[in-house]
Amino acid sequence: MNLWTLVLLTVAGCYLLKLAGYLVPARVLDHPGVRRLVEMVPVALLAALVVVEAVADGRHLRLDGPRLAGFAVGALALWRRAPFLVVIVAAALTAALLRLGIS
């Protein structure tokens, strides 16, 4: 199977998944448990992605100081309800300055 076959199969799968979402009856989506799940899944996926990027390097666990410090500063800024751009800049600046001092 070549790359283009995989790309086309992925496109078809994504389209069918989106189509399946339109076919779900409204009464199912109005259920409080389903509504809560739909609201929480994107948050959980984003949190998992951030944690994996903070502590993994490919398929290996990598706990380096600057990366974890940037993650901690970003988490602290989020906890203090800083604007998103401030969170990103503070985390990146922390990691960059620590890497500059280490090199």
N, C-alpha and C. Protein backbone atom coordinates (compact mmCIF):
# COMPACT_ATOMS: atom_id res chain seq x y z
N MET A 1 0.85 -1.17 0.00
CA MET A 1 0.00 0.00 0.00
C MET A 1 0.90 1.24 0.00
N ASN A 2 0.67 2.13 -0.96
CA ASN A 2 1.53 3.31 -1.02
C ASN A 2 0.94 4.46 -0.21
N LEU A 3 1.65 5.55 -0.19
CA LEU A 3 1.27 6.69 0.64
C LEU A 3 -0.06 7.30 0.20
N TRP A 4 -0.28 7.41 -1.11
CA TRP A 4 -1.51 8.04 -1.60
C TRP A 4 -2.74 7.20 -1.27
N THR A 5 -2.59 5.90 -1.25
CA THR A 5 -3.71 5.04 -0.86
C THR A 5 -4.07 5.29 0.60
N LEU A 6 -3.05 5.40 1.45
CA LEU A 6 -3.30 5.69 2.86
C LEU A 6 -3.94 7.06 3.05
N VAL A 7 -3.49 8.05 2.28
CA VAL A 7 -4.06 9.39 2.39
C VAL A 7 -5.53 9.36 1.98
N LEU A 8 -5.84 8.70 0.87
CA LEU A 8 -7.23 8.64 0.39
C LEU A 8 -8.12 7.86 1.35
N LEU A 9 -7.61 6.79 1.93
CA LEU A 9 -8.38 6.04 2.92
C LEU A 9 -8.64 6.88 4.18
N THR A 10 -7.66 7.66 4.58
CA THR A 10 -7.83 8.54 5.73
C THR A 10 -8.87 9.62 5.45
N VAL A 11 -8.82 10.19 4.25
CA VAL A 11 -9.81 11.20 3.86
C VAL A 11 -11.21 10.60 3.88
N ALA A 12 -11.36 9.41 3.30
CA ALA A 12 -12.67 8.75 3.28
C ALA A 12 -13.14 8.44 4.69
N GLY A 13 -12.25 7.98 5.55
CA GLY A 13 -12.62 7.68 6.93
C GLY A 13 -13.07 8.92 7.69
N CYS A 14 -12.35 10.03 7.51
CA CYS A 14 -12.74 11.28 8.18
C CYS A 14 -14.09 11.76 7.67
N TYR A 15 -14.32 11.65 6.37
CA TYR A 15 -15.61 12.07 5.80
C TYR A 15 -16.74 11.22 6.36
N LEU A 16 -16.54 9.90 6.41
CA LEU A 16 -17.58 9.01 6.94
C LEU A 16 -17.84 9.26 8.43
N LEU A 17 -16.78 9.57 9.17
CA LEU A 17 -16.96 9.88 10.59
C LEU A 17 -17.78 11.16 10.77
N LYS A 18 -17.49 12.16 9.95
CA LYS A 18 -18.25 13.41 10.03
C LYS A 18 -19.70 13.17 9.61
N LEU A 19 -19.91 12.37 8.58
CA LEU A 19 -21.26 12.04 8.13
C LEU A 19 -22.02 11.29 9.22
N ALA A 20 -21.34 10.39 9.92
CA ALA A 20 -21.99 9.65 11.01
C ALA A 20 -22.46 10.59 12.11
N GLY A 21 -21.72 11.67 12.33
CA GLY A 21 -22.12 12.65 13.34
C GLY A 21 -23.42 13.34 12.98
N TYR A 22 -23.64 13.57 11.68
CA TYR A 22 -24.89 14.19 11.24
C TYR A 22 -26.07 13.23 11.32
N LEU A 23 -25.79 11.94 11.31
CA LEU A 23 -26.86 10.95 11.32
C LEU A 23 -27.32 10.57 12.72
N VAL A 24 -26.63 11.06 13.74
CA VAL A 24 -27.02 10.77 15.13
C VAL A 24 -28.30 11.55 15.45
N PRO A 25 -29.31 10.87 15.98
CA PRO A 25 -30.57 11.57 16.30
C PRO A 25 -30.37 12.66 17.36
N ALA A 26 -31.16 13.72 17.26
CA ALA A 26 -31.04 14.86 18.18
C ALA A 26 -31.32 14.45 19.63
N ARG A 27 -32.21 13.47 19.84
CA ARG A 27 -32.53 13.06 21.20
C ARG A 27 -31.32 12.44 21.90
N VAL A 28 -30.44 11.82 21.13
CA VAL A 28 -29.22 11.25 21.72
C VAL A 28 -28.29 12.38 22.16
N LEU A 29 -28.17 13.42 21.33
CA LEU A 29 -27.28 14.52 21.65
C LEU A 29 -27.81 15.40 22.77
N ASP A 30 -29.11 15.36 23.01
CA ASP A 30 -29.70 16.16 24.08
C ASP A 30 -29.57 15.51 25.46
N HIS A 31 -29.14 14.26 25.50
CA HIS A 31 -28.96 13.57 26.78
C HIS A 31 -27.82 14.24 27.55
N PRO A 32 -28.01 14.54 28.85
CA PRO A 32 -26.98 15.27 29.62
C PRO A 32 -25.62 14.58 29.66
N GLY A 33 -25.61 13.25 29.75
CA GLY A 33 -24.33 12.53 29.79
C GLY A 33 -23.56 12.65 28.49
N VAL A 34 -24.28 12.54 27.39
CA VAL A 34 -23.64 12.67 26.07
C VAL A 34 -23.14 14.09 25.88
N ARG A 35 -23.94 15.06 26.27
CA ARG A 35 -23.55 16.46 26.13
C ARG A 35 -22.28 16.76 26.94
N ARG A 36 -22.22 16.24 28.17
CA ARG A 36 -21.04 16.45 29.01
C ARG A 36 -19.81 15.78 28.39
N LEU A 37 -19.99 14.59 27.85
CA LEU A 37 -18.88 13.89 27.19
C LEU A 37 -18.38 14.66 25.99
N VAL A 38 -19.29 15.16 25.18
CA VAL A 38 -18.92 15.91 23.99
C VAL A 38 -18.18 17.19 24.36
N GLU A 39 -18.54 17.80 25.48
CA GLU A 39 -17.86 19.02 25.91
C GLU A 39 -16.49 18.74 26.50
N MET A 40 -16.30 17.57 27.12
CA MET A 40 -15.06 17.28 27.82
C MET A 40 -14.00 16.58 26.96
N VAL A 41 -14.40 15.87 25.93
CA VAL A 41 -13.44 15.11 25.13
C VAL A 41 -12.38 16.02 24.47
N PRO A 42 -12.75 17.15 23.84
CA PRO A 42 -11.69 17.99 23.26
C PRO A 42 -10.71 18.53 24.30
N VAL A 43 -11.20 18.87 25.48
CA VAL A 43 -10.32 19.37 26.54
C VAL A 43 -9.35 18.27 26.97
N ALA A 44 -9.86 17.06 27.14
CA ALA A 44 -9.00 15.95 27.56
C ALA A 44 -7.96 15.61 26.48
N LEU A 45 -8.37 15.64 25.22
CA LEU A 45 -7.42 15.36 24.14
C LEU A 45 -6.33 16.42 24.06
N LEU A 46 -6.71 17.68 24.20
CA LEU A 46 -5.71 18.75 24.16
C LEU A 46 -4.76 18.65 25.34
N ALA A 47 -5.29 18.36 26.53
CA ALA A 47 -4.44 18.21 27.71
C ALA A 47 -3.47 17.04 27.53
N ALA A 48 -3.95 15.95 26.99
CA ALA A 48 -3.08 14.79 26.75
C ALA A 48 -1.99 15.13 25.74
N LEU A 49 -2.34 15.86 24.70
CA LEU A 49 -1.35 16.26 23.70
C LEU A 49 -0.28 17.15 24.31
N VAL A 50 -0.68 18.08 25.14
CA VAL A 50 0.29 18.98 25.78
C VAL A 50 1.23 18.20 26.69
N VAL A 51 0.69 17.29 27.47
CA VAL A 51 1.54 16.51 28.39
C VAL A 51 2.50 15.61 27.61
N VAL A 52 2.01 14.97 26.56
CA VAL A 52 2.89 14.11 25.76
C VAL A 52 4.01 14.93 25.14
N GLU A 53 3.68 16.10 24.60
CA GLU A 53 4.71 16.95 24.01
C GLU A 53 5.69 17.47 25.06
N ALA A 54 5.24 17.59 26.30
CA ALA A 54 6.11 18.11 27.35
C ALA A 54 7.09 17.07 27.86
N VAL A 55 6.73 15.80 27.83
CA VAL A 55 7.59 14.78 28.46
C VAL A 55 8.06 13.69 27.51
N ALA A 56 7.72 13.76 26.23
CA ALA A 56 8.12 12.70 25.31
C ALA A 56 8.92 13.26 24.15
N ASP A 57 9.80 12.44 23.64
CA ASP A 57 10.58 12.78 22.46
C ASP A 57 10.50 11.57 21.53
N GLY A 58 9.58 11.61 20.59
CA GLY A 58 9.34 10.45 19.75
C GLY A 58 8.68 9.37 20.57
N ARG A 59 9.32 8.22 20.64
CA ARG A 59 8.78 7.10 21.41
C ARG A 59 9.45 6.94 22.76
N HIS A 60 10.23 7.94 23.16
CA HIS A 60 10.99 7.85 24.41
C HIS A 60 10.55 8.93 25.38
N LEU A 61 10.61 8.60 26.66
CA LEU A 61 10.33 9.57 27.72
C LEU A 61 11.55 10.47 27.87
N ARG A 62 11.33 11.78 27.86
CA ARG A 62 12.44 12.72 27.98
C ARG A 62 12.06 13.81 28.97
N LEU A 63 12.62 13.73 30.13
CA LEU A 63 12.33 14.71 31.18
C LEU A 63 13.50 15.67 31.29
N ASP A 64 13.50 16.71 30.46
CA ASP A 64 14.56 17.70 30.56
C ASP A 64 14.05 18.94 31.27
N GLY A 65 14.93 19.61 31.97
CA GLY A 65 14.59 20.73 32.82
C GLY A 65 13.90 21.89 32.11
N PRO A 66 14.46 22.41 31.02
CA PRO A 66 13.83 23.57 30.36
C PRO A 66 12.42 23.28 29.85
N ARG A 67 12.22 22.10 29.31
CA ARG A 67 10.89 21.76 28.79
C ARG A 67 9.88 21.66 29.94
N LEU A 68 10.26 21.01 31.02
CA LEU A 68 9.35 20.89 32.16
C LEU A 68 9.13 22.24 32.85
N ALA A 69 10.15 23.07 32.89
CA ALA A 69 9.98 24.40 33.48
C ALA A 69 9.02 25.24 32.64
N GLY A 70 9.14 25.18 31.32
CA GLY A 70 8.21 25.89 30.45
C GLY A 70 6.79 25.39 30.64
N PHE A 71 6.64 24.08 30.76
CA PHE A 71 5.33 23.49 31.01
C PHE A 71 4.76 23.99 32.34
N ALA A 72 5.60 24.03 33.37
CA ALA A 72 5.14 24.48 34.69
C ALA A 72 4.75 25.95 34.67
N VAL A 73 5.53 26.79 33.99
CA VAL A 73 5.20 28.21 33.90
C VAL A 73 3.90 28.40 33.13
N GLY A 74 3.72 27.64 32.05
CA GLY A 74 2.47 27.72 31.30
C GLY A 74 1.28 27.27 32.13
N ALA A 75 1.45 26.20 32.89
CA ALA A 75 0.37 25.72 33.75
C ALA A 75 0.05 26.74 34.84
N LEU A 76 1.07 27.35 35.40
CA LEU A 76 0.86 28.39 36.42
C LEU A 76 0.12 29.59 35.83
N ALA A 77 0.50 30.00 34.63
CA ALA A 77 -0.17 31.13 33.98
C ALA A 77 -1.63 30.79 33.67
N LEU A 78 -1.88 29.56 33.26
CA LEU A 78 -3.28 29.15 33.03
C LEU A 78 -4.07 29.16 34.33
N TRP A 79 -3.44 28.67 35.38
CA TRP A 79 -4.11 28.62 36.68
C TRP A 79 -4.45 30.04 37.15
N ARG A 80 -3.58 31.00 36.84
CA ARG A 80 -3.82 32.40 37.22
C ARG A 80 -4.71 33.11 36.20
N ARG A 81 -5.25 32.35 35.24
CA ARG A 81 -6.19 32.86 34.22
C ARG A 81 -5.59 33.94 33.34
N ALA A 82 -4.34 33.75 32.94
CA ALA A 82 -3.69 34.67 32.02
C ALA A 82 -4.25 34.44 30.62
N PRO A 83 -4.21 35.44 29.76
CA PRO A 83 -4.64 35.24 28.37
C PRO A 83 -3.77 34.19 27.68
N PHE A 84 -4.36 33.54 26.68
CA PHE A 84 -3.69 32.41 26.03
C PHE A 84 -2.33 32.82 25.45
N LEU A 85 -2.26 33.97 24.80
CA LEU A 85 -1.01 34.42 24.22
C LEU A 85 0.06 34.62 25.29
N VAL A 86 -0.32 35.12 26.44
CA VAL A 86 0.61 35.30 27.55
C VAL A 86 1.12 33.94 28.04
N VAL A 87 0.23 32.95 28.10
CA VAL A 87 0.62 31.60 28.53
C VAL A 87 1.68 31.04 27.59
N ILE A 88 1.43 31.14 26.28
CA ILE A 88 2.36 30.59 25.29
C ILE A 88 3.70 31.31 25.35
N VAL A 89 3.67 32.63 25.38
CA VAL A 89 4.93 33.39 25.39
C VAL A 89 5.71 33.13 26.68
N ALA A 90 5.04 33.08 27.81
CA ALA A 90 5.74 32.84 29.08
C ALA A 90 6.39 31.45 29.10
N ALA A 91 5.66 30.44 28.64
CA ALA A 91 6.22 29.08 28.61
C ALA A 91 7.40 28.99 27.64
N ALA A 92 7.24 29.55 26.45
CA ALA A 92 8.32 29.49 25.46
C ALA A 92 9.53 30.27 25.91
N LEU A 93 9.31 31.45 26.48
CA LEU A 93 10.42 32.28 26.95
C LEU A 93 11.18 31.59 28.08
N THR A 94 10.44 30.97 28.99
CA THR A 94 11.08 30.24 30.09
C THR A 94 11.98 29.13 29.56
N ALA A 95 11.43 28.31 28.67
CA ALA A 95 12.22 27.20 28.12
C ALA A 95 13.42 27.72 27.33
N ALA A 96 13.22 28.78 26.54
CA ALA A 96 14.31 29.32 25.73
C ALA A 96 15.42 29.89 26.60
N LEU A 97 15.06 30.64 27.62
CA LEU A 97 16.08 31.23 28.49
C LEU A 97 16.84 30.15 29.25
N LEU A 98 16.14 29.13 29.70
CA LEU A 98 16.85 28.03 30.40
C LEU A 98 17.76 27.27 29.45
N ARG A 99 17.31 27.05 28.23
CA ARG A 99 18.17 26.37 27.25
C ARG A 99 19.39 27.23 26.90
N LEU A 100 19.20 28.54 26.84
CA LEU A 100 20.31 29.44 26.55
C LEU A 100 21.34 29.39 27.67
N GLY A 101 20.87 29.31 28.90
CA GLY A 101 21.78 29.25 30.04
C GLY A 101 22.50 27.91 30.15
N ILE A 102 21.87 26.83 29.65
CA ILE A 102 22.48 25.50 29.72
C ILE A 102 23.54 25.33 28.65
N SER A 103 23.30 25.87 27.47
CA SER A 103 24.23 25.68 26.34
C SER A 103 25.54 26.38 26.53
